[in-house]
Amino acid sequence: MSDKQKTLKEEVQLSGIGLHTGRQVSLTIKPAKENTGYVFVRTDLEGHPCVEADVNYVSSTERGTTLEKKGVKIHTCEHLLAALVGCDVDNAILEMNNAEPPIMDGSAKHFVEAIEKAGIVEQDLDRDYLIIKEVMSYTDPATGSELTIIPSDNYEVTAMVDFGTKVLGTQNATLKDLSEFKDEIADARTFSFLHELEMLLDHGLIKGGDISNAIVYVDKELTPETIEKLKKAFGKEDVSIRPNGVLDNVTLNYPNEAARHKLLDVIGDLALVGVRIKGKVIANKPGHYVNTQFAKKLDRQYKLQKRKNVPDFDLKAEPVYDINGIMKLLPHRPP
């Protein structure tokens, strides 16, 4: 894989509905100069203010990751950011005429397809890396969720989930290399449990209208009242439960689609570190809060690495010169 930075060859546009805002939005992904990173631009606001994809701008992790800079918000940024990382793109301008990217089908698939349609080009400058040299971890004491990273020459991610329910117990998913992202992770869709979805619908917190692509795990009794709510929400004449405990509005892409989507979220949230990572991430019960707290820790480590500016060398490697080689260059008698 090239170590040169990359951006899009040309701009590409998508449109759709924001899941939580329920508003129509047009998203234009544009090429950007080296060292730009990912920058959101709110074209619907005066002055077209920018919000960099920086973990220090995270203001909320409820039902998605929200960035906020000087009162300007970007909701649910993680799927789009995961697609950019998964497509090996370092620099992009992300123009939106609303506060939330379109949810599309709840995965990163459509973003990946759009980026590939635009094309990807190498730039002149080399990439910078956060190189993990020792084990680092963050644990959320409230939930027991934990993210750990260990040294590796590659960026790898493993996600393990355990929801403690009969319908969705323990699952895991692994991404060995970003080149596998498109085929193995990108089309893993967001999901919820029936009790969560019902609460969100009752409180008007899912305003996107079309949730026909949502994966819903049925963890409670499907009462006639609930069935009526779901029929209205999905725009279907009837709903029922599949043998695997999922509502019949969708068919799972993978038996472990939930774990794959959690892995997708980890990649998107860790993109907020703003630099490529060389290390293996092990995410146990990941979520947006623990993901972004871990990203803040990695961000601090990267800044420390930059300040120290320590050259990367291997003490076990064969020396460039031994004592005889040095004597040939500096033919003085030994001390």
C-alpha atoms as a PDB file:
ATOM      1  CA  MET A   1       0.000   0.000   0.000  1.00  0.00           C
ATOM      2  CA  SER A   2       1.289   3.448  -0.933  1.00  0.00           C
ATOM      3  CA  ASP A   3       2.464   5.758   1.832  1.00  0.00           C
ATOM      4  CA  LYS A   4       1.492   8.855  -0.139  1.00  0.00           C
ATOM      5  CA  GLN A   5      -1.558  10.827   0.932  1.00  0.00           C
ATOM      6  CA  LYS A   6      -4.666  10.417  -1.222  1.00  0.00           C
ATOM      7  CA  THR A   7      -7.752  12.403  -2.132  1.00  0.00           C
ATOM      8  CA  LEU A   8     -10.652  12.154  -4.559  1.00  0.00           C
ATOM      9  CA  LYS A   9     -10.065  12.623  -8.281  1.00  0.00           C
ATOM     10  CA  GLU A  10     -13.264  14.630  -8.633  1.00  0.00           C
ATOM     11  CA  GLU A  11     -16.218  15.616  -6.487  1.00  0.00           C
ATOM     12  CA  VAL A  12     -19.267  13.416  -6.025  1.00  0.00           C
ATOM     13  CA  GLN A  13     -22.721  14.103  -4.600  1.00  0.00           C
ATOM     14  CA  LEU A  14     -25.242  12.069  -2.620  1.00  0.00           C
ATOM     15  CA  SER A  15     -28.568  13.027  -1.121  1.00  0.00           C
ATOM     16  CA  GLY A  16     -31.006  11.554   1.338  1.00  0.00           C
ATOM     17  CA  ILE A  17     -32.539  11.958   4.780  1.00  0.00           C
ATOM     18  CA  GLY A  18     -30.759  12.430   8.085  1.00  0.00           C
ATOM     19  CA  LEU A  19     -31.830   9.631  10.434  1.00  0.00           C
ATOM     20  CA  HIS A  20     -32.219  11.705  13.584  1.00  0.00           C
ATOM     21  CA  THR A  21     -32.898  15.173  12.141  1.00  0.00           C
ATOM     22  CA  GLY A  22     -35.340  13.862   9.531  1.00  0.00           C
ATOM     23  CA  ARG A  23     -34.193  16.541   7.123  1.00  0.00           C
ATOM     24  CA  GLN A  24     -33.340  16.243   3.445  1.00  0.00           C
ATOM     25  CA  VAL A  25     -29.622  16.786   2.897  1.00  0.00           C
ATOM     26  CA  SER A  26     -27.248  16.981  -0.034  1.00  0.00           C
ATOM     27  CA  LEU A  27     -23.682  15.853   0.594  1.00  0.00           C
ATOM     28  CA  THR A  28     -20.832  16.739  -1.753  1.00  0.00           C
ATOM     29  CA  ILE A  29     -17.494  15.011  -1.182  1.00  0.00           C
ATOM     30  CA  LYS A  30     -14.709  17.086  -2.739  1.00  0.00           C
ATOM     31  CA  PRO A  31     -10.960  16.675  -3.290  1.00  0.00           C
ATOM     32  CA  ALA A  32      -8.711  18.482  -0.796  1.00  0.00           C
ATOM     33  CA  LYS A  33      -5.056  19.497  -0.522  1.00  0.00           C
ATOM     34  CA  GLU A  34      -2.462  17.498   1.391  1.00  0.00           C
ATOM     35  CA  ASN A  35      -2.695  17.643   5.187  1.00  0.00           C
ATOM     36  CA  THR A  36      -6.305  18.873   5.050  1.00  0.00           C
ATOM     37  CA  GLY A  37      -7.765  15.779   6.662  1.00  0.00           C
ATOM     38  CA  TYR A  38     -11.556  15.529   6.676  1.00  0.00           C
ATOM     39  CA  VAL A  39     -13.385  18.854   6.931  1.00  0.00           C
ATOM     40  CA  PHE A  40     -17.164  19.281   7.103  1.00  0.00           C
ATOM     41  CA  VAL A  41     -18.597  22.483   5.607  1.00  0.00           C
ATOM     42  CA  ARG A  42     -22.145  23.645   6.428  1.00  0.00           C
ATOM     43  CA  THR A  43     -23.218  25.338   3.187  1.00  0.00           C
ATOM     44  CA  ASP A  44     -26.655  26.106   4.656  1.00  0.00           C
ATOM     45  CA  LEU A  45     -25.198  28.498   7.218  1.00  0.00           C
ATOM     46  CA  GLU A  46     -23.885  32.008   6.693  1.00  0.00           C
ATOM     47  CA  GLY A  47     -20.180  32.050   5.935  1.00  0.00           C
ATOM     48  CA  HIS A  48     -20.154  28.301   5.262  1.00  0.00           C
ATOM     49  CA  PRO A  49     -18.485  27.443   8.597  1.00  0.00           C
ATOM     50  CA  CYS A  50     -16.118  24.480   8.797  1.00  0.00           C
ATOM     51  CA  VAL A  51     -15.974  21.722  11.384  1.00  0.00           C
ATOM     52  CA  GLU A  52     -12.862  19.571  11.229  1.00  0.00           C
ATOM     53  CA  ALA A  53     -13.206  15.848  11.922  1.00  0.00           C
ATOM     54  CA  ASP A  54     -11.298  16.252  15.188  1.00  0.00           C
ATOM     55  CA  VAL A  55     -12.023  14.233  18.321  1.00  0.00           C
ATOM     56  CA  ASN A  56     -11.673  17.375  20.417  1.00  0.00           C
ATOM     57  CA  TYR A  57     -14.879  18.686  18.815  1.00  0.00           C
ATOM     58  CA  VAL A  58     -16.998  15.725  19.963  1.00  0.00           C
ATOM     59  CA  SER A  59     -19.956  17.165  21.875  1.00  0.00           C
ATOM     60  CA  SER A  60     -22.318  14.186  22.117  1.00  0.00           C
ATOM     61  CA  THR A  61     -22.291  10.428  21.611  1.00  0.00           C
ATOM     62  CA  GLU A  62     -26.028   9.768  21.998  1.00  0.00           C
ATOM     63  CA  ARG A  63     -27.249   7.558  19.116  1.00  0.00           C
ATOM     64  CA  GLY A  64     -24.213   8.594  17.064  1.00  0.00           C
ATOM     65  CA  THR A  65     -21.170  10.845  17.202  1.00  0.00           C
ATOM     66  CA  THR A  66     -21.803  14.598  17.066  1.00  0.00           C
ATOM     67  CA  LEU A  67     -19.140  17.227  16.411  1.00  0.00           C
ATOM     68  CA  GLU A  68     -19.583  20.859  17.414  1.00  0.00           C
ATOM     69  CA  LYS A  69     -17.391  23.896  16.755  1.00  0.00           C
ATOM     70  CA  LYS A  70     -18.505  27.391  17.745  1.00  0.00           C
ATOM     71  CA  GLY A  71     -22.121  26.264  17.867  1.00  0.00           C
ATOM     72  CA  VAL A  72     -22.026  24.561  14.454  1.00  0.00           C
ATOM     73  CA  LYS A  73     -22.949  20.874  14.682  1.00  0.00           C
ATOM     74  CA  ILE A  74     -22.381  17.782  12.568  1.00  0.00           C
ATOM     75  CA  HIS A  75     -24.487  14.798  13.646  1.00  0.00           C
ATOM     76  CA  THR A  76     -23.867  11.098  12.932  1.00  0.00           C
ATOM     77  CA  CYS A  77     -20.527  11.563  11.177  1.00  0.00           C
ATOM     78  CA  GLU A  78     -19.098   8.080  11.800  1.00  0.00           C
ATOM     79  CA  HIS A  79     -20.379   6.123   8.766  1.00  0.00           C
ATOM     80  CA  LEU A  80     -19.072   8.684   6.270  1.00  0.00           C
ATOM     81  CA  LEU A  81     -15.698   8.902   8.029  1.00  0.00           C
ATOM     82  CA  ALA A  82     -15.403   5.109   8.104  1.00  0.00           C
ATOM     83  CA  ALA A  83     -16.006   5.024   4.340  1.00  0.00           C
ATOM     84  CA  LEU A  84     -13.227   7.559   3.724  1.00  0.00           C
ATOM     85  CA  VAL A  85     -10.765   5.592   5.847  1.00  0.00           C
ATOM     86  CA  GLY A  86     -11.875   2.323   4.273  1.00  0.00           C
ATOM     87  CA  CYS A  87     -11.344   3.768   0.782  1.00  0.00           C
ATOM     88  CA  ASP A  88      -7.808   4.857   1.723  1.00  0.00           C
ATOM     89  CA  VAL A  89      -8.646   8.571   1.407  1.00  0.00           C
ATOM     90  CA  ASP A  90      -6.717  11.006   3.616  1.00  0.00           C
ATOM     91  CA  ASN A  91      -8.070  14.394   2.562  1.00  0.00           C
ATOM     92  CA  ALA A  92     -11.619  15.458   1.671  1.00  0.00           C
ATOM     93  CA  ILE A  93     -13.985  18.410   1.948  1.00  0.00           C
ATOM     94  CA  LEU A  94     -17.468  17.295   3.027  1.00  0.00           C
ATOM     95  CA  GLU A  95     -20.035  19.930   2.084  1.00  0.00           C
ATOM     96  CA  MET A  96     -23.545  19.512   3.511  1.00  0.00           C
ATOM     97  CA  ASN A  97     -26.604  21.744   3.407  1.00  0.00           C
ATOM     98  CA  ASN A  98     -27.788  20.404   6.747  1.00  0.00           C
ATOM     99  CA  ALA A  99     -26.415  19.142  10.043  1.00  0.00           C
ATOM    100  CA  GLU A 100     -26.352  15.401   9.322  1.00  0.00           C
ATOM    101  CA  PRO A 101     -25.128  13.257   6.408  1.00  0.00           C
ATOM    102  CA  PRO A 102     -27.815  11.142   4.726  1.00  0.00           C
ATOM    103  CA  ILE A 103     -28.292   7.839   6.537  1.00  0.00           C
ATOM    104  CA  MET A 104     -28.692   5.954   3.215  1.00  0.00           C
ATOM    105  CA  ASP A 105     -29.221   2.295   4.202  1.00  0.00           C
ATOM    106  CA  GLY A 106     -27.581   2.645   7.622  1.00  0.00           C
ATOM    107  CA  SER A 107     -24.197   1.374   6.421  1.00  0.00           C
ATOM    108  CA  ALA A 108     -21.163   2.884   4.658  1.00  0.00           C
ATOM    109  CA  LYS A 109     -21.858   1.070   1.379  1.00  0.00           C
ATOM    110  CA  HIS A 110     -23.288   4.002  -0.593  1.00  0.00           C
ATOM    111  CA  PHE A 111     -20.519   6.346   0.566  1.00  0.00           C
ATOM    112  CA  VAL A 112     -17.899   3.820  -0.567  1.00  0.00           C
ATOM    113  CA  GLU A 113     -19.571   3.442  -3.958  1.00  0.00           C
ATOM    114  CA  ALA A 114     -19.687   7.224  -4.416  1.00  0.00           C
ATOM    115  CA  ILE A 115     -16.018   7.642  -3.469  1.00  0.00           C
ATOM    116  CA  GLU A 116     -14.979   4.892  -5.873  1.00  0.00           C
ATOM    117  CA  LYS A 117     -17.082   6.497  -8.611  1.00  0.00           C
ATOM    118  CA  ALA A 118     -15.233   9.789  -8.067  1.00  0.00           C
ATOM    119  CA  GLY A 119     -11.871   8.032  -8.229  1.00  0.00           C
ATOM    120  CA  ILE A 120      -8.907   8.264  -5.868  1.00  0.00           C
ATOM    121  CA  VAL A 121      -5.555   9.892  -6.654  1.00  0.00           C
ATOM    122  CA  GLU A 122      -2.170   9.953  -4.933  1.00  0.00           C
ATOM    123  CA  GLN A 123      -0.784  13.252  -3.718  1.00  0.00           C
ATOM    124  CA  ASP A 124       2.807  14.413  -3.337  1.00  0.00           C
ATOM    125  CA  LEU A 125       3.274  14.333   0.434  1.00  0.00           C
ATOM    126  CA  ASP A 126       3.823  11.221   2.545  1.00  0.00           C
ATOM    127  CA  ARG A 127       1.326  10.130   5.156  1.00  0.00           C
ATOM    128  CA  ASP A 128       1.936  10.675   8.823  1.00  0.00           C
ATOM    129  CA  TYR A 129       1.289   7.858  11.280  1.00  0.00           C
ATOM    130  CA  LEU A 130       0.543   7.291  14.913  1.00  0.00           C
ATOM    131  CA  ILE A 131       2.833   4.322  15.526  1.00  0.00           C
ATOM    132  CA  ILE A 132       1.773   2.254  18.520  1.00  0.00           C
ATOM    133  CA  LYS A 133       4.846   1.025  20.415  1.00  0.00           C
ATOM    134  CA  GLU A 134       3.221  -0.141  23.643  1.00  0.00           C
ATOM    135  CA  VAL A 135      -0.177  -1.388  24.765  1.00  0.00           C
ATOM    136  CA  MET A 136      -2.744   1.349  25.417  1.00  0.00           C
ATOM    137  CA  SER A 137      -6.324   0.958  26.601  1.00  0.00           C
ATOM    138  CA  TYR A 138      -9.373   2.815  27.841  1.00  0.00           C
ATOM    139  CA  THR A 139     -12.189   1.331  29.926  1.00  0.00           C
ATOM    140  CA  ASP A 140     -15.574   2.881  30.593  1.00  0.00           C
ATOM    141  CA  PRO A 141     -16.171   2.054  34.270  1.00  0.00           C
ATOM    142  CA  ALA A 142     -19.926   2.536  33.865  1.00  0.00           C
ATOM    143  CA  THR A 143     -20.368  -0.144  31.193  1.00  0.00           C
ATOM    144  CA  GLY A 144     -17.197  -2.235  31.258  1.00  0.00           C
ATOM    145  CA  SER A 145     -16.627  -1.416  27.579  1.00  0.00           C
ATOM    146  CA  GLU A 146     -12.936  -1.405  26.723  1.00  0.00           C
ATOM    147  CA  LEU A 147     -10.770  -0.500  23.741  1.00  0.00           C
ATOM    148  CA  THR A 148      -7.159  -1.680  23.603  1.00  0.00           C
ATOM    149  CA  ILE A 149      -4.486  -1.162  20.975  1.00  0.00           C
ATOM    150  CA  ILE A 150      -1.292  -3.187  20.622  1.00  0.00           C
ATOM    151  CA  PRO A 151       1.716  -2.709  18.334  1.00  0.00           C
ATOM    152  CA  SER A 152       1.286  -3.847  14.736  1.00  0.00           C
ATOM    153  CA  ASP A 153       2.743  -2.855  11.374  1.00  0.00           C
ATOM    154  CA  ASN A 154      -0.806  -2.713  10.035  1.00  0.00           C
ATOM    155  CA  TYR A 155      -4.119  -1.141  11.056  1.00  0.00           C
ATOM    156  CA  GLU A 156      -6.314  -3.985  12.279  1.00  0.00           C
ATOM    157  CA  VAL A 157      -9.588  -3.903  14.196  1.00  0.00           C
ATOM    158  CA  THR A 158     -11.457  -6.604  16.093  1.00  0.00           C
ATOM    159  CA  ALA A 159     -14.873  -5.872  17.605  1.00  0.00           C
ATOM    160  CA  MET A 160     -16.555  -8.081  20.191  1.00  0.00           C
ATOM    161  CA  VAL A 161     -20.133  -7.503  21.315  1.00  0.00           C
ATOM    162  CA  ASP A 162     -22.254  -9.144  23.979  1.00  0.00           C
ATOM    163  CA  PHE A 163     -25.708  -7.683  24.549  1.00  0.00           C
ATOM    164  CA  GLY A 164     -26.732 -10.373  26.999  1.00  0.00           C
ATOM    165  CA  THR A 165     -29.987 -11.134  25.203  1.00  0.00           C
ATOM    166  CA  LYS A 166     -31.267 -14.384  23.723  1.00  0.00           C
ATOM    167  CA  VAL A 167     -31.828 -12.804  20.328  1.00  0.00           C
ATOM    168  CA  LEU A 168     -28.398 -11.159  20.121  1.00  0.00           C
ATOM    169  CA  GLY A 169     -25.709 -12.599  22.341  1.00  0.00           C
ATOM    170  CA  THR A 170     -21.973 -12.737  21.699  1.00  0.00           C
ATOM    171  CA  GLN A 171     -20.600 -11.829  18.264  1.00  0.00           C
ATOM    172  CA  ASN A 172     -17.229 -10.764  16.934  1.00  0.00           C
ATOM    173  CA  ALA A 173     -15.794  -9.415  13.695  1.00  0.00           C
ATOM    174  CA  THR A 174     -12.247  -8.745  12.512  1.00  0.00           C
ATOM    175  CA  LEU A 175     -10.740  -6.537   9.820  1.00  0.00           C
ATOM    176  CA  LYS A 176      -7.162  -7.602   9.068  1.00  0.00           C
ATOM    177  CA  ASP A 177      -6.485  -4.928   6.465  1.00  0.00           C
ATOM    178  CA  LEU A 178      -8.299  -1.833   5.187  1.00  0.00           C
ATOM    179  CA  SER A 179      -8.300  -3.373   1.709  1.00  0.00           C
ATOM    180  CA  GLU A 180     -11.008  -5.730   3.047  1.00  0.00           C
ATOM    181  CA  PHE A 181     -13.282  -2.906   4.223  1.00  0.00           C
ATOM    182  CA  LYS A 182     -15.397  -2.610   1.068  1.00  0.00           C
ATOM    183  CA  ASP A 183     -16.248  -6.302   0.820  1.00  0.00           C
ATOM    184  CA  GLU A 184     -16.404  -7.262   4.505  1.00  0.00           C
ATOM    185  CA  ILE A 185     -17.541  -4.240   6.531  1.00  0.00           C
ATOM    186  CA  ALA A 186     -18.986  -1.415   4.408  1.00  0.00           C
ATOM    187  CA  ASP A 187     -22.451  -2.942   3.931  1.00  0.00           C
ATOM    188  CA  ALA A 188     -22.992  -3.817   7.614  1.00  0.00           C
ATOM    189  CA  ARG A 189     -26.045  -1.795   8.647  1.00  0.00           C
ATOM    190  CA  THR A 190     -26.959  -0.068  11.855  1.00  0.00           C
ATOM    191  CA  PHE A 191     -29.309  -1.925  14.176  1.00  0.00           C
ATOM    192  CA  SER A 192     -31.418  -1.525  17.263  1.00  0.00           C
ATOM    193  CA  PHE A 193     -33.487  -3.559  19.667  1.00  0.00           C
ATOM    194  CA  LEU A 194     -37.265  -3.401  19.491  1.00  0.00           C
ATOM    195  CA  HIS A 195     -37.573  -1.737  22.900  1.00  0.00           C
ATOM    196  CA  GLU A 196     -35.132   0.988  21.781  1.00  0.00           C
ATOM    197  CA  LEU A 197     -36.879   1.554  18.455  1.00  0.00           C
ATOM    198  CA  GLU A 198     -40.288   1.786  20.101  1.00  0.00           C
ATOM    199  CA  MET A 199     -38.991   4.359  22.581  1.00  0.00           C
ATOM    200  CA  LEU A 200     -37.384   6.404  19.780  1.00  0.00           C
ATOM    201  CA  LEU A 201     -40.572   6.323  17.709  1.00  0.00           C
ATOM    202  CA  ASP A 202     -42.727   7.271  20.713  1.00  0.00           C
ATOM    203  CA  HIS A 203     -40.524  10.289  21.428  1.00  0.00           C
ATOM    204  CA  GLY A 204     -40.067  11.346  17.806  1.00  0.00           C
ATOM    205  CA  LEU A 205     -36.327  10.808  17.987  1.00  0.00           C
ATOM    206  CA  ILE A 206     -36.120   8.958  14.669  1.00  0.00           C
ATOM    207  CA  LYS A 207     -37.430  11.522  12.228  1.00  0.00           C
ATOM    208  CA  GLY A 208     -35.928  10.142   9.047  1.00  0.00           C
ATOM    209  CA  GLY A 209     -39.263   8.588   8.141  1.00  0.00           C
ATOM    210  CA  ASP A 210     -37.889   5.756   6.031  1.00  0.00           C
ATOM    211  CA  ILE A 211     -36.399   3.222   8.417  1.00  0.00           C
ATOM    212  CA  SER A 212     -37.187   0.292   6.149  1.00  0.00           C
ATOM    213  CA  ASN A 213     -33.510  -0.716   6.127  1.00  0.00           C
ATOM    214  CA  ALA A 214     -33.113  -0.793   9.899  1.00  0.00           C
ATOM    215  CA  ILE A 215     -32.190  -4.118  11.469  1.00  0.00           C
ATOM    216  CA  VAL A 216     -34.443  -4.626  14.484  1.00  0.00           C
ATOM    217  CA  TYR A 217     -33.758  -7.391  16.996  1.00  0.00           C
ATOM    218  CA  VAL A 218     -36.964  -8.377  18.778  1.00  0.00           C
ATOM    219  CA  ASP A 219     -36.148  -8.517  22.484  1.00  0.00           C
ATOM    220  CA  LYS A 220     -39.696  -8.094  23.814  1.00  0.00           C
ATOM    221  CA  GLU A 221     -43.213  -9.302  23.126  1.00  0.00           C
ATOM    222  CA  LEU A 222     -44.602  -8.125  19.803  1.00  0.00           C
ATOM    223  CA  THR A 223     -47.978  -6.774  20.964  1.00  0.00           C
ATOM    224  CA  PRO A 224     -50.756  -5.704  18.560  1.00  0.00           C
ATOM    225  CA  GLU A 225     -50.109  -2.076  19.551  1.00  0.00           C
ATOM    226  CA  THR A 226     -46.406  -2.418  18.722  1.00  0.00           C
ATOM    227  CA  ILE A 227     -47.198  -4.132  15.424  1.00  0.00           C
ATOM    228  CA  GLU A 228     -49.374  -1.161  14.402  1.00  0.00           C
ATOM    229  CA  LYS A 229     -46.557   1.282  15.226  1.00  0.00           C
ATOM    230  CA  LEU A 230     -44.080  -0.735  13.180  1.00  0.00           C
ATOM    231  CA  LYS A 231     -46.430  -1.138  10.212  1.00  0.00           C
ATOM    232  CA  LYS A 232     -46.770   2.639  10.086  1.00  0.00           C
ATOM    233  CA  ALA A 233     -43.029   3.244  10.559  1.00  0.00           C
ATOM    234  CA  PHE A 234     -41.981   0.715   7.917  1.00  0.00           C
ATOM    235  CA  GLY A 235     -44.834   1.482   5.535  1.00  0.00           C
ATOM    236  CA  LYS A 236     -45.810  -2.199   5.431  1.00  0.00           C
ATOM    237  CA  GLU A 237     -49.139  -3.984   5.653  1.00  0.00           C
ATOM    238  CA  ASP A 238     -47.779  -6.467   8.163  1.00  0.00           C
ATOM    239  CA  VAL A 239     -44.644  -7.228  10.163  1.00  0.00           C
ATOM    240  CA  SER A 240     -43.474 -10.458  11.730  1.00  0.00           C
ATOM    241  CA  ILE A 241     -40.403 -12.017  13.308  1.00  0.00           C
ATOM    242  CA  ARG A 242     -37.933 -14.145  11.370  1.00  0.00           C
ATOM    243  CA  PRO A 243     -36.619 -17.368  12.977  1.00  0.00           C
ATOM    244  CA  ASN A 244     -33.352 -15.552  13.839  1.00  0.00           C
ATOM    245  CA  GLY A 245     -35.258 -13.032  15.960  1.00  0.00           C
ATOM    246  CA  VAL A 246     -35.066 -10.144  13.489  1.00  0.00           C
ATOM    247  CA  LEU A 247     -38.077  -8.258  12.128  1.00  0.00           C
ATOM    248  CA  ASP A 248     -38.909  -9.354   8.595  1.00  0.00           C
ATOM    249  CA  ASN A 249     -38.412  -5.907   7.033  1.00  0.00           C
ATOM    250  CA  VAL A 250     -34.811  -6.872   6.127  1.00  0.00           C
ATOM    251  CA  THR A 251     -32.612  -9.889   5.531  1.00  0.00           C
ATOM    252  CA  LEU A 252     -29.274  -9.926   7.328  1.00  0.00           C
ATOM    253  CA  ASN A 253     -26.203  -9.548   5.112  1.00  0.00           C
ATOM    254  CA  TYR A 254     -24.154 -11.586   7.620  1.00  0.00           C
ATOM    255  CA  PRO A 255     -24.957 -13.663  10.710  1.00  0.00           C
ATOM    256  CA  ASN A 256     -22.627 -11.313  12.637  1.00  0.00           C
ATOM    257  CA  GLU A 257     -23.775  -8.087  10.960  1.00  0.00           C
ATOM    258  CA  ALA A 258     -24.173  -6.374  14.343  1.00  0.00           C
ATOM    259  CA  ALA A 259     -20.512  -6.957  15.229  1.00  0.00           C
ATOM    260  CA  ARG A 260     -19.400  -5.854  11.759  1.00  0.00           C
ATOM    261  CA  HIS A 261     -21.353  -2.624  12.110  1.00  0.00           C
ATOM    262  CA  LYS A 262     -19.831  -1.983  15.529  1.00  0.00           C
ATOM    263  CA  LEU A 263     -16.416  -2.452  13.888  1.00  0.00           C
ATOM    264  CA  LEU A 264     -17.438   0.073  11.217  1.00  0.00           C
ATOM    265  CA  ASP A 265     -18.339   2.551  13.965  1.00  0.00           C
ATOM    266  CA  VAL A 266     -14.951   2.035  15.640  1.00  0.00           C
ATOM    267  CA  ILE A 267     -13.154   2.887  12.387  1.00  0.00           C
ATOM    268  CA  GLY A 268     -15.316   5.976  11.900  1.00  0.00           C
ATOM    269  CA  ASP A 269     -14.867   7.230  15.452  1.00  0.00           C
ATOM    270  CA  LEU A 270     -11.097   6.601  15.480  1.00  0.00           C
ATOM    271  CA  ALA A 271     -10.837   8.574  12.227  1.00  0.00           C
ATOM    272  CA  LEU A 272     -11.293  11.587  14.511  1.00  0.00           C
ATOM    273  CA  VAL A 273      -7.689  11.121  15.674  1.00  0.00           C
ATOM    274  CA  GLY A 274      -6.879  12.743  12.329  1.00  0.00           C
ATOM    275  CA  VAL A 275      -3.912  10.565  11.423  1.00  0.00           C
ATOM    276  CA  ARG A 276      -3.296   7.052  10.140  1.00  0.00           C
ATOM    277  CA  ILE A 277      -2.766   4.423  12.811  1.00  0.00           C
ATOM    278  CA  LYS A 278      -0.316   1.534  12.896  1.00  0.00           C
ATOM    279  CA  GLY A 279      -1.674  -0.767  15.558  1.00  0.00           C
ATOM    280  CA  LYS A 280      -4.205  -3.508  16.264  1.00  0.00           C
ATOM    281  CA  VAL A 281      -7.396  -2.345  17.965  1.00  0.00           C
ATOM    282  CA  ILE A 282      -9.371  -4.782  20.119  1.00  0.00           C
ATOM    283  CA  ALA A 283     -12.784  -3.338  20.955  1.00  0.00           C
ATOM    284  CA  ASN A 284     -14.796  -5.115  23.646  1.00  0.00           C
ATOM    285  CA  LYS A 285     -18.414  -3.916  23.685  1.00  0.00           C
ATOM    286  CA  PRO A 286     -17.598  -0.727  21.740  1.00  0.00           C
ATOM    287  CA  GLY A 287     -19.894   2.280  21.606  1.00  0.00           C
ATOM    288  CA  HIS A 288     -19.547   5.889  20.517  1.00  0.00           C
ATOM    289  CA  TYR A 289     -18.668   7.159  24.006  1.00  0.00           C
ATOM    290  CA  VAL A 290     -15.882   4.678  24.706  1.00  0.00           C
ATOM    291  CA  ASN A 291     -14.676   4.902  21.079  1.00  0.00           C
ATOM    292  CA  THR A 292     -14.260   8.665  21.213  1.00  0.00           C
ATOM    293  CA  GLN A 293     -12.709   8.636  24.685  1.00  0.00           C
ATOM    294  CA  PHE A 294     -10.146   6.178  23.355  1.00  0.00           C
ATOM    295  CA  ALA A 295      -9.641   8.395  20.292  1.00  0.00           C
ATOM    296  CA  LYS A 296      -8.831  11.305  22.623  1.00  0.00           C
ATOM    297  CA  LYS A 297      -6.196   9.163  24.318  1.00  0.00           C
ATOM    298  CA  LEU A 298      -4.679   8.254  20.939  1.00  0.00           C
ATOM    299  CA  ASP A 299      -4.755  11.926  19.928  1.00  0.00           C
ATOM    300  CA  ARG A 300      -2.751  12.860  23.027  1.00  0.00           C
ATOM    301  CA  GLN A 301      -0.282  10.063  22.287  1.00  0.00           C
ATOM    302  CA  TYR A 302       0.174  11.271  18.705  1.00  0.00           C
ATOM    303  CA  LYS A 303       0.859  14.833  19.853  1.00  0.00           C
ATOM    304  CA  LEU A 304       3.392  13.503  22.368  1.00  0.00           C
ATOM    305  CA  GLN A 305       5.017  11.449  19.602  1.00  0.00           C
ATOM    306  CA  LYS A 306       5.274  14.562  17.415  1.00  0.00           C
ATOM    307  CA  ARG A 307       6.770  16.659  20.215  1.00  0.00           C
ATOM    308  CA  LYS A 308       9.407  14.094  21.039  1.00  0.00           C
ATOM    309  CA  ASN A 309      10.140  13.596  17.347  1.00  0.00           C
ATOM    310  CA  VAL A 310      11.916  10.375  18.229  1.00  0.00           C
ATOM    311  CA  PRO A 311      13.395   8.629  15.178  1.00  0.00           C
ATOM    312  CA  ASP A 312      12.023   5.156  14.560  1.00  0.00           C
ATOM    313  CA  PHE A 313      14.782   2.544  14.742  1.00  0.00           C
ATOM    314  CA  ASP A 314      15.197  -1.123  15.620  1.00  0.00           C
ATOM    315  CA  LEU A 315      17.885  -1.978  18.177  1.00  0.00           C
ATOM    316  CA  LYS A 316      17.846  -5.590  16.963  1.00  0.00           C
ATOM    317  CA  ALA A 317      18.548  -4.675  13.342  1.00  0.00           C
ATOM    318  CA  GLU A 318      21.984  -5.255  11.807  1.00  0.00           C
ATOM    319  CA  PRO A 319      24.176  -2.155  12.373  1.00  0.00           C
ATOM    320  CA  VAL A 320      25.025   0.013   9.395  1.00  0.00           C
ATOM    321  CA  TYR A 321      28.699   0.059  10.500  1.00  0.00           C
ATOM    322  CA  ASP A 322      30.611  -2.145  12.932  1.00  0.00           C
ATOM    323  CA  ILE A 323      33.837  -1.049  14.651  1.00  0.00           C
ATOM    324  CA  ASN A 324      35.943  -1.978  11.628  1.00  0.00           C
ATOM    325  CA  GLY A 325      33.722   0.021   9.310  1.00  0.00           C
ATOM    326  CA  ILE A 326      33.946   3.020  11.593  1.00  0.00           C
ATOM    327  CA  MET A 327      37.768   2.720  11.722  1.00  0.00           C
ATOM    328  CA  LYS A 328      37.909   2.817   7.936  1.00  0.00           C
ATOM    329  CA  LEU A 329      35.977   6.066   7.924  1.00  0.00           C
ATOM    330  CA  LEU A 330      37.820   7.528  10.916  1.00  0.00           C
ATOM    331  CA  PRO A 331      41.275   5.891  10.903  1.00  0.00           C
ATOM    332  CA  HIS A 332      42.353   6.952  14.376  1.00  0.00           C
ATOM    333  CA  ARG A 333      43.827   4.613  16.910  1.00  0.00           C
ATOM    334  CA  PRO A 334      41.310   3.256  19.406  1.00  0.00           C
ATOM    335  CA  PRO A 335      41.092   5.131  22.709  1.00  0.00           C
END
